[in-house]
Amino acid sequence: MSTPDTGNFKATRVDAGAANLWHVHEGHFKFGSIKETRVNFAGRTLEQIMEKIAENEPINAPYTKTDNQKRTYEDCIKWIKKNC
């Protein structure tokens, strides 16, 4: 089985999204390696997680412009709603 090409990013298994775009991985949601977009799940209810994501909307906006960015963002939100 081949490793997917993720650009300059090492192949990271994610629960949703894509490692170099929006992703859910090891108890957090963020865009690539951009720390400002990160939302940690530990100790938060689904409602609190979604509130934090909403608060981050101005920070996240530049990373939700392309089709792939939008798709991975939506995939992650669906995963969060189902699993958190």
PDB file of N, CA and C in Angstrom:
ATOM      1  N   MET A   1       0.845  -1.181   0.000  1.00  0.00           N
ATOM      2  CA  MET A   1       0.000   0.000   0.000  1.00  0.00           C
ATOM      3  C   MET A   1       0.887   1.239   0.000  1.00  0.00           C
ATOM      4  N   SER A   2       0.609   2.185  -0.854  1.00  0.00           N
ATOM      5  CA  SER A   2       1.451   3.367  -0.931  1.00  0.00           C
ATOM      6  C   SER A   2       0.974   4.436   0.045  1.00  0.00           C
ATOM      7  N   THR A   3       1.893   5.288   0.424  1.00  0.00           N
ATOM      8  CA  THR A   3       1.588   6.402   1.316  1.00  0.00           C
ATOM      9  C   THR A   3       1.081   7.558   0.465  1.00  0.00           C
ATOM     10  N   PRO A   4      -0.025   8.185   0.847  1.00  0.00           N
ATOM     11  CA  PRO A   4      -0.543   9.292   0.048  1.00  0.00           C
ATOM     12  C   PRO A   4       0.428  10.471   0.061  1.00  0.00           C
ATOM     13  N   ASP A   5       0.478  11.197  -1.049  1.00  0.00           N
ATOM     14  CA  ASP A   5       1.326  12.377  -1.136  1.00  0.00           C
ATOM     15  C   ASP A   5       0.658  13.509  -0.376  1.00  0.00           C
ATOM     16  N   THR A   6       1.325  14.006   0.647  1.00  0.00           N
ATOM     17  CA  THR A   6       0.788  15.111   1.437  1.00  0.00           C
ATOM     18  C   THR A   6       1.710  16.316   1.373  1.00  0.00           C
ATOM     19  N   GLY A   7       2.416  16.477   0.282  1.00  0.00           N
ATOM     20  CA  GLY A   7       3.294  17.625   0.133  1.00  0.00           C
ATOM     21  C   GLY A   7       4.483  17.512   1.063  1.00  0.00           C
ATOM     22  N   ASN A   8       4.744  18.567   1.802  1.00  0.00           N
ATOM     23  CA  ASN A   8       5.872  18.593   2.723  1.00  0.00           C
ATOM     24  C   ASN A   8       5.551  17.952   4.063  1.00  0.00           C
ATOM     25  N   PHE A   9       4.370  17.459   4.240  1.00  0.00           N
ATOM     26  CA  PHE A   9       3.943  16.883   5.507  1.00  0.00           C
ATOM     27  C   PHE A   9       4.212  15.392   5.513  1.00  0.00           C
ATOM     28  N   LYS A  10       4.665  14.883   6.659  1.00  0.00           N
ATOM     29  CA  LYS A  10       4.814  13.434   6.767  1.00  0.00           C
ATOM     30  C   LYS A  10       3.424  12.813   6.769  1.00  0.00           C
ATOM     31  N   ALA A  11       3.338  11.570   6.356  1.00  0.00           N
ATOM     32  CA  ALA A  11       2.046  10.888   6.315  1.00  0.00           C
ATOM     33  C   ALA A  11       1.543  10.699   7.741  1.00  0.00           C
ATOM     34  N   THR A  12       0.479  11.371   8.073  1.00  0.00           N
ATOM     35  CA  THR A  12      -0.116  11.305   9.401  1.00  0.00           C
ATOM     36  C   THR A  12      -1.511  10.740   9.267  1.00  0.00           C
ATOM     37  N   ARG A  13      -1.805   9.737  10.062  1.00  0.00           N
ATOM     38  CA  ARG A  13      -3.167   9.201  10.047  1.00  0.00           C
ATOM     39  C   ARG A  13      -4.076  10.156  10.806  1.00  0.00           C
ATOM     40  N   VAL A  14      -5.186  10.489  10.177  1.00  0.00           N
ATOM     41  CA  VAL A  14      -6.142  11.399  10.791  1.00  0.00           C
ATOM     42  C   VAL A  14      -7.495  10.698  10.896  1.00  0.00           C
ATOM     43  N   ASP A  15      -8.307  11.141  11.837  1.00  0.00           N
ATOM     44  CA  ASP A  15      -9.652  10.586  11.991  1.00  0.00           C
ATOM     45  C   ASP A  15     -10.612  11.148  10.945  1.00  0.00           C
ATOM     46  N   ALA A  16     -10.362  12.376  10.521  1.00  0.00           N
ATOM     47  CA  ALA A  16     -11.182  13.022   9.490  1.00  0.00           C
ATOM     48  C   ALA A  16     -10.330  14.084   8.810  1.00  0.00           C
ATOM     49  N   GLY A  17     -10.675  14.401   7.570  1.00  0.00           N
ATOM     50  CA  GLY A  17      -9.953  15.422   6.832  1.00  0.00           C
ATOM     51  C   GLY A  17      -8.665  14.899   6.226  1.00  0.00           C
ATOM     52  N   ALA A  18      -7.701  15.790   6.063  1.00  0.00           N
ATOM     53  CA  ALA A  18      -6.391  15.460   5.486  1.00  0.00           C
ATOM     54  C   ALA A  18      -5.321  16.167   6.308  1.00  0.00           C
ATOM     55  N   ALA A  19      -4.228  15.500   6.579  1.00  0.00           N
ATOM     56  CA  ALA A  19      -3.201  16.028   7.481  1.00  0.00           C
ATOM     57  C   ALA A  19      -2.723  17.428   7.098  1.00  0.00           C
ATOM     58  N   ASN A  20      -2.619  17.707   5.805  1.00  0.00           N
ATOM     59  CA  ASN A  20      -2.115  19.011   5.381  1.00  0.00           C
ATOM     60  C   ASN A  20      -3.213  20.055   5.196  1.00  0.00           C
ATOM     61  N   LEU A  21      -4.463  19.652   5.436  1.00  0.00           N
ATOM     62  CA  LEU A  21      -5.600  20.575   5.365  1.00  0.00           C
ATOM     63  C   LEU A  21      -6.303  20.540   6.721  1.00  0.00           C
ATOM     64  N   TRP A  22      -7.620  20.702   6.745  1.00  0.00           N
ATOM     65  CA  TRP A  22      -8.366  20.555   7.995  1.00  0.00           C
ATOM     66  C   TRP A  22      -8.342  19.099   8.401  1.00  0.00           C
ATOM     67  N   HIS A  23      -8.107  18.839   9.678  1.00  0.00           N
ATOM     68  CA  HIS A  23      -8.072  17.456  10.137  1.00  0.00           C
ATOM     69  C   HIS A  23      -8.423  17.341  11.614  1.00  0.00           C
ATOM     70  N   VAL A  24      -8.888  16.140  11.966  1.00  0.00           N
ATOM     71  CA  VAL A  24      -9.082  15.730  13.347  1.00  0.00           C
ATOM     72  C   VAL A  24      -8.018  14.669  13.601  1.00  0.00           C
ATOM     73  N   HIS A  25      -7.215  14.902  14.648  1.00  0.00           N
ATOM     74  CA  HIS A  25      -6.091  14.007  14.931  1.00  0.00           C
ATOM     75  C   HIS A  25      -5.724  14.128  16.398  1.00  0.00           C
ATOM     76  N   GLU A  26      -5.643  13.009  17.073  1.00  0.00           N
ATOM     77  CA  GLU A  26      -5.193  12.957  18.464  1.00  0.00           C
ATOM     78  C   GLU A  26      -5.865  14.001  19.352  1.00  0.00           C
ATOM     79  N   GLY A  27      -7.197  14.060  19.277  1.00  0.00           N
ATOM     80  CA  GLY A  27      -7.957  14.910  20.182  1.00  0.00           C
ATOM     81  C   GLY A  27      -7.955  16.389  19.873  1.00  0.00           C
ATOM     82  N   HIS A  28      -7.731  16.744  18.613  1.00  0.00           N
ATOM     83  CA  HIS A  28      -7.831  18.148  18.237  1.00  0.00           C
ATOM     84  C   HIS A  28      -8.288  18.288  16.788  1.00  0.00           C
ATOM     85  N   PHE A  29      -8.674  19.512  16.458  1.00  0.00           N
ATOM     86  CA  PHE A  29      -9.096  19.911  15.115  1.00  0.00           C
ATOM     87  C   PHE A  29      -8.241  21.112  14.742  1.00  0.00           C
ATOM     88  N   LYS A  30      -7.646  21.109  13.555  1.00  0.00           N
ATOM     89  CA  LYS A  30      -6.905  22.289  13.101  1.00  0.00           C
ATOM     90  C   LYS A  30      -6.615  22.189  11.613  1.00  0.00           C
ATOM     91  N   PHE A  31      -6.079  23.276  11.080  1.00  0.00           N
ATOM     92  CA  PHE A  31      -5.686  23.330   9.677  1.00  0.00           C
ATOM     93  C   PHE A  31      -4.185  23.121   9.581  1.00  0.00           C
ATOM     94  N   GLY A  32      -3.777  22.032   8.915  1.00  0.00           N
ATOM     95  CA  GLY A  32      -2.360  21.743   8.719  1.00  0.00           C
ATOM     96  C   GLY A  32      -1.567  21.885   9.999  1.00  0.00           C
ATOM     97  N   SER A  33      -0.565  22.740   9.978  1.00  0.00           N
ATOM     98  CA  SER A  33       0.259  22.968  11.165  1.00  0.00           C
ATOM     99  C   SER A  33       0.028  24.355  11.761  1.00  0.00           C
ATOM    100  N   ILE A  34      -1.074  24.999  11.393  1.00  0.00           N
ATOM    101  CA  ILE A  34      -1.373  26.357  11.861  1.00  0.00           C
ATOM    102  C   ILE A  34      -1.942  26.295  13.281  1.00  0.00           C
ATOM    103  N   LYS A  35      -1.113  26.589  14.263  1.00  0.00           N
ATOM    104  CA  LYS A  35      -1.499  26.448  15.673  1.00  0.00           C
ATOM    105  C   LYS A  35      -2.692  27.316  16.056  1.00  0.00           C
ATOM    106  N   GLU A  36      -2.836  28.473  15.441  1.00  0.00           N
ATOM    107  CA  GLU A  36      -3.929  29.386  15.790  1.00  0.00           C
ATOM    108  C   GLU A  36      -5.304  28.800  15.491  1.00  0.00           C
ATOM    109  N   THR A  37      -5.370  27.822  14.590  1.00  0.00           N
ATOM    110  CA  THR A  37      -6.663  27.226  14.227  1.00  0.00           C
ATOM    111  C   THR A  37      -7.021  26.039  15.120  1.00  0.00           C
ATOM    112  N   ARG A  38      -6.117  25.640  15.991  1.00  0.00           N
ATOM    113  CA  ARG A  38      -6.282  24.420  16.789  1.00  0.00           C
ATOM    114  C   ARG A  38      -7.387  24.558  17.847  1.00  0.00           C
ATOM    115  N   VAL A  39      -8.217  23.511  17.929  1.00  0.00           N
ATOM    116  CA  VAL A  39      -9.224  23.389  18.981  1.00  0.00           C
ATOM    117  C   VAL A  39      -9.026  22.022  19.613  1.00  0.00           C
ATOM    118  N   ASN A  40      -8.667  22.006  20.898  1.00  0.00           N
ATOM    119  CA  ASN A  40      -8.498  20.758  21.631  1.00  0.00           C
ATOM    120  C   ASN A  40      -9.848  20.287  22.151  1.00  0.00           C
ATOM    121  N   PHE A  41     -10.040  18.974  22.165  1.00  0.00           N
ATOM    122  CA  PHE A  41     -11.304  18.395  22.605  1.00  0.00           C
ATOM    123  C   PHE A  41     -11.328  18.052  24.093  1.00  0.00           C
ATOM    124  N   ALA A  42     -10.188  17.737  24.667  1.00  0.00           N
ATOM    125  CA  ALA A  42     -10.126  17.245  26.049  1.00  0.00           C
ATOM    126  C   ALA A  42     -10.805  18.218  27.017  1.00  0.00           C
ATOM    127  N   GLY A  43     -11.706  17.665  27.829  1.00  0.00           N
ATOM    128  CA  GLY A  43     -12.392  18.454  28.837  1.00  0.00           C
ATOM    129  C   GLY A  43     -13.492  19.354  28.303  1.00  0.00           C
ATOM    130  N   ARG A  44     -13.824  19.221  27.037  1.00  0.00           N
ATOM    131  CA  ARG A  44     -14.864  20.061  26.429  1.00  0.00           C
ATOM    132  C   ARG A  44     -16.022  19.207  25.953  1.00  0.00           C
ATOM    133  N   THR A  45     -17.211  19.743  26.107  1.00  0.00           N
ATOM    134  CA  THR A  45     -18.400  19.114  25.547  1.00  0.00           C
ATOM    135  C   THR A  45     -18.481  19.462  24.063  1.00  0.00           C
ATOM    136  N   LEU A  46     -19.339  18.771  23.339  1.00  0.00           N
ATOM    137  CA  LEU A  46     -19.546  19.082  21.921  1.00  0.00           C
ATOM    138  C   LEU A  46     -19.929  20.553  21.769  1.00  0.00           C
ATOM    139  N   GLU A  47     -20.813  21.029  22.620  1.00  0.00           N
ATOM    140  CA  GLU A  47     -21.249  22.429  22.546  1.00  0.00           C
ATOM    141  C   GLU A  47     -20.053  23.383  22.716  1.00  0.00           C
ATOM    142  N   GLN A  48     -19.182  23.095  23.667  1.00  0.00           N
ATOM    143  CA  GLN A  48     -18.013  23.946  23.895  1.00  0.00           C
ATOM    144  C   GLN A  48     -17.033  23.888  22.715  1.00  0.00           C
ATOM    145  N   ILE A  49     -16.871  22.706  22.156  1.00  0.00           N
ATOM    146  CA  ILE A  49     -15.991  22.559  20.982  1.00  0.00           C
ATOM    147  C   ILE A  49     -16.536  23.388  19.824  1.00  0.00           C
ATOM    148  N   MET A  50     -17.831  23.284  19.561  1.00  0.00           N
ATOM    149  CA  MET A  50     -18.430  24.021  18.454  1.00  0.00           C
ATOM    150  C   MET A  50     -18.386  25.532  18.707  1.00  0.00           C
ATOM    151  N   GLU A  51     -18.539  25.952  19.970  1.00  0.00           N
ATOM    152  CA  GLU A  51     -18.426  27.375  20.302  1.00  0.00           C
ATOM    153  C   GLU A  51     -17.021  27.885  20.000  1.00  0.00           C
ATOM    154  N   LYS A  52     -16.002  27.104  20.361  1.00  0.00           N
ATOM    155  CA  LYS A  52     -14.616  27.501  20.105  1.00  0.00           C
ATOM    156  C   LYS A  52     -14.340  27.568  18.604  1.00  0.00           C
ATOM    157  N   ILE A  53     -14.866  26.607  17.852  1.00  0.00           N
ATOM    158  CA  ILE A  53     -14.703  26.638  16.399  1.00  0.00           C
ATOM    159  C   ILE A  53     -15.361  27.900  15.829  1.00  0.00           C
ATOM    160  N   ALA A  54     -16.537  28.241  16.327  1.00  0.00           N
ATOM    161  CA  ALA A  54     -17.231  29.453  15.876  1.00  0.00           C
ATOM    162  C   ALA A  54     -16.423  30.707  16.234  1.00  0.00           C
ATOM    163  N   GLU A  55     -15.841  30.736  17.428  1.00  0.00           N
ATOM    164  CA  GLU A  55     -14.995  31.859  17.839  1.00  0.00           C
ATOM    165  C   GLU A  55     -13.807  32.028  16.902  1.00  0.00           C
ATOM    166  N   ASN A  56     -13.281  30.913  16.400  1.00  0.00           N
ATOM    167  CA  ASN A  56     -12.104  30.935  15.539  1.00  0.00           C
ATOM    168  C   ASN A  56     -12.429  31.284  14.090  1.00  0.00           C
ATOM    169  N   GLU A  57     -13.680  31.538  13.778  1.00  0.00           N
ATOM    170  CA  GLU A  57     -14.069  31.779  12.389  1.00  0.00           C
ATOM    171  C   GLU A  57     -13.204  32.837  11.689  1.00  0.00           C
ATOM    172  N   PRO A  58     -12.907  33.984  12.320  1.00  0.00           N
ATOM    173  CA  PRO A  58     -12.053  34.959  11.637  1.00  0.00           C
ATOM    174  C   PRO A  58     -10.632  34.427  11.371  1.00  0.00           C
ATOM    175  N   ILE A  59     -10.125  33.611  12.261  1.00  0.00           N
ATOM    176  CA  ILE A  59      -8.796  33.007  12.086  1.00  0.00           C
ATOM    177  C   ILE A  59      -8.854  31.940  10.993  1.00  0.00           C
ATOM    178  N   ASN A  60      -9.949  31.181  10.965  1.00  0.00           N
ATOM    179  CA  ASN A  60     -10.089  30.060  10.044  1.00  0.00           C
ATOM    180  C   ASN A  60     -10.436  30.485   8.615  1.00  0.00           C
ATOM    181  N   ALA A  61     -11.008  31.649   8.449  1.00  0.00           N
ATOM    182  CA  ALA A  61     -11.527  32.083   7.148  1.00  0.00           C
ATOM    183  C   ALA A  61     -10.523  31.949   5.993  1.00  0.00           C
ATOM    184  N   PRO A  62      -9.258  32.331   6.171  1.00  0.00           N
ATOM    185  CA  PRO A  62      -8.328  32.192   5.045  1.00  0.00           C
ATOM    186  C   PRO A  62      -8.078  30.739   4.626  1.00  0.00           C
ATOM    187  N   TYR A  63      -8.428  29.803   5.498  1.00  0.00           N
ATOM    188  CA  TYR A  63      -8.163  28.382   5.244  1.00  0.00           C
ATOM    189  C   TYR A  63      -9.426  27.618   4.846  1.00  0.00           C
ATOM    190  N   THR A  64     -10.473  28.344   4.464  1.00  0.00           N
ATOM    191  CA  THR A  64     -11.719  27.704   4.013  1.00  0.00           C
ATOM    192  C   THR A  64     -12.159  28.289   2.666  1.00  0.00           C
ATOM    193  N   LYS A  65     -11.193  28.527   1.793  1.00  0.00           N
ATOM    194  CA  LYS A  65     -11.505  29.150   0.505  1.00  0.00           C
ATOM    195  C   LYS A  65     -11.554  28.165  -0.658  1.00  0.00           C
ATOM    196  N   THR A  66     -10.622  27.219  -0.708  1.00  0.00           N
ATOM    197  CA  THR A  66     -10.600  26.287  -1.842  1.00  0.00           C
ATOM    198  C   THR A  66     -11.601  25.153  -1.614  1.00  0.00           C
ATOM    199  N   ASP A  67     -11.904  24.433  -2.681  1.00  0.00           N
ATOM    200  CA  ASP A  67     -12.829  23.302  -2.559  1.00  0.00           C
ATOM    201  C   ASP A  67     -12.307  22.252  -1.576  1.00  0.00           C
ATOM    202  N   ASN A  68     -11.004  21.945  -1.650  1.00  0.00           N
ATOM    203  CA  ASN A  68     -10.438  20.949  -0.724  1.00  0.00           C
ATOM    204  C   ASN A  68     -10.472  21.438   0.715  1.00  0.00           C
ATOM    205  N   GLN A  69     -10.207  22.713   0.922  1.00  0.00           N
ATOM    206  CA  GLN A  69     -10.280  23.265   2.281  1.00  0.00           C
ATOM    207  C   GLN A  69     -11.706  23.163   2.812  1.00  0.00           C
ATOM    208  N   LYS A  70     -12.668  23.540   2.011  1.00  0.00           N
ATOM    209  CA  LYS A  70     -14.073  23.479   2.423  1.00  0.00           C
ATOM    210  C   LYS A  70     -14.506  22.040   2.698  1.00  0.00           C
ATOM    211  N   ARG A  71     -14.118  21.131   1.806  1.00  0.00           N
ATOM    212  CA  ARG A  71     -14.518  19.723   1.953  1.00  0.00           C
ATOM    213  C   ARG A  71     -13.944  19.120   3.225  1.00  0.00           C
ATOM    214  N   THR A  72     -12.648  19.337   3.482  1.00  0.00           N
ATOM    215  CA  THR A  72     -12.041  18.738   4.670  1.00  0.00           C
ATOM    216  C   THR A  72     -12.587  19.389   5.937  1.00  0.00           C
ATOM    217  N   TYR A  73     -12.885  20.688   5.895  1.00  0.00           N
ATOM    218  CA  TYR A  73     -13.486  21.377   7.041  1.00  0.00           C
ATOM    219  C   TYR A  73     -14.847  20.748   7.364  1.00  0.00           C
ATOM    220  N   GLU A  74     -15.672  20.589   6.336  1.00  0.00           N
ATOM    221  CA  GLU A  74     -17.004  20.006   6.529  1.00  0.00           C
ATOM    222  C   GLU A  74     -16.922  18.557   7.002  1.00  0.00           C
ATOM    223  N   ASP A  75     -15.992  17.782   6.451  1.00  0.00           N
ATOM    224  CA  ASP A  75     -15.805  16.398   6.891  1.00  0.00           C
ATOM    225  C   ASP A  75     -15.454  16.344   8.378  1.00  0.00           C
ATOM    226  N   CYS A  76     -14.593  17.249   8.809  1.00  0.00           N
ATOM    227  CA  CYS A  76     -14.181  17.281  10.214  1.00  0.00           C
ATOM    228  C   CYS A  76     -15.340  17.687  11.123  1.00  0.00           C
ATOM    229  N   ILE A  77     -16.105  18.683  10.709  1.00  0.00           N
ATOM    230  CA  ILE A  77     -17.256  19.111  11.514  1.00  0.00           C
ATOM    231  C   ILE A  77     -18.243  17.950  11.676  1.00  0.00           C
ATOM    232  N   LYS A  78     -18.496  17.215  10.607  1.00  0.00           N
ATOM    233  CA  LYS A  78     -19.387  16.058  10.690  1.00  0.00           C
ATOM    234  C   LYS A  78     -18.822  15.030  11.665  1.00  0.00           C
ATOM    235  N   TRP A  79     -17.517  14.760  11.599  1.00  0.00           N
ATOM    236  CA  TRP A  79     -16.883  13.797  12.492  1.00  0.00           C
ATOM    237  C   TRP A  79     -16.995  14.262  13.944  1.00  0.00           C
ATOM    238  N   ILE A  80     -16.741  15.527  14.189  1.00  0.00           N
ATOM    239  CA  ILE A  80     -16.813  16.079  15.541  1.00  0.00           C
ATOM    240  C   ILE A  80     -18.215  15.930  16.097  1.00  0.00           C
ATOM    241  N   LYS A  81     -19.231  16.290  15.313  1.00  0.00           N
ATOM    242  CA  LYS A  81     -20.619  16.190  15.768  1.00  0.00           C
ATOM    243  C   LYS A  81     -21.016  14.751  16.078  1.00  0.00           C
ATOM    244  N   LYS A  82     -20.441  13.812  15.344  1.00  0.00           N
ATOM    245  CA  LYS A  82     -20.785  12.406  15.544  1.00  0.00           C
ATOM    246  C   LYS A  82     -19.993  11.763  16.714  1.00  0.00           C
ATOM    247  N   ASN A  83     -18.774  12.234  16.964  1.00  0.00           N
ATOM    248  CA  ASN A  83     -17.875  11.522  17.864  1.00  0.00           C
ATOM    249  C   ASN A  83     -17.502  12.263  19.145  1.00  0.00           C
ATOM    250  N   CYS A  84     -17.878  13.513  19.291  1.00  0.00           N
ATOM    251  CA  CYS A  84     -17.477  14.261  20.495  1.00  0.00           C
ATOM    252  C   CYS A  84     -18.656  14.495  21.423  1.00  0.00           C
TER     253      CYS A  84
END
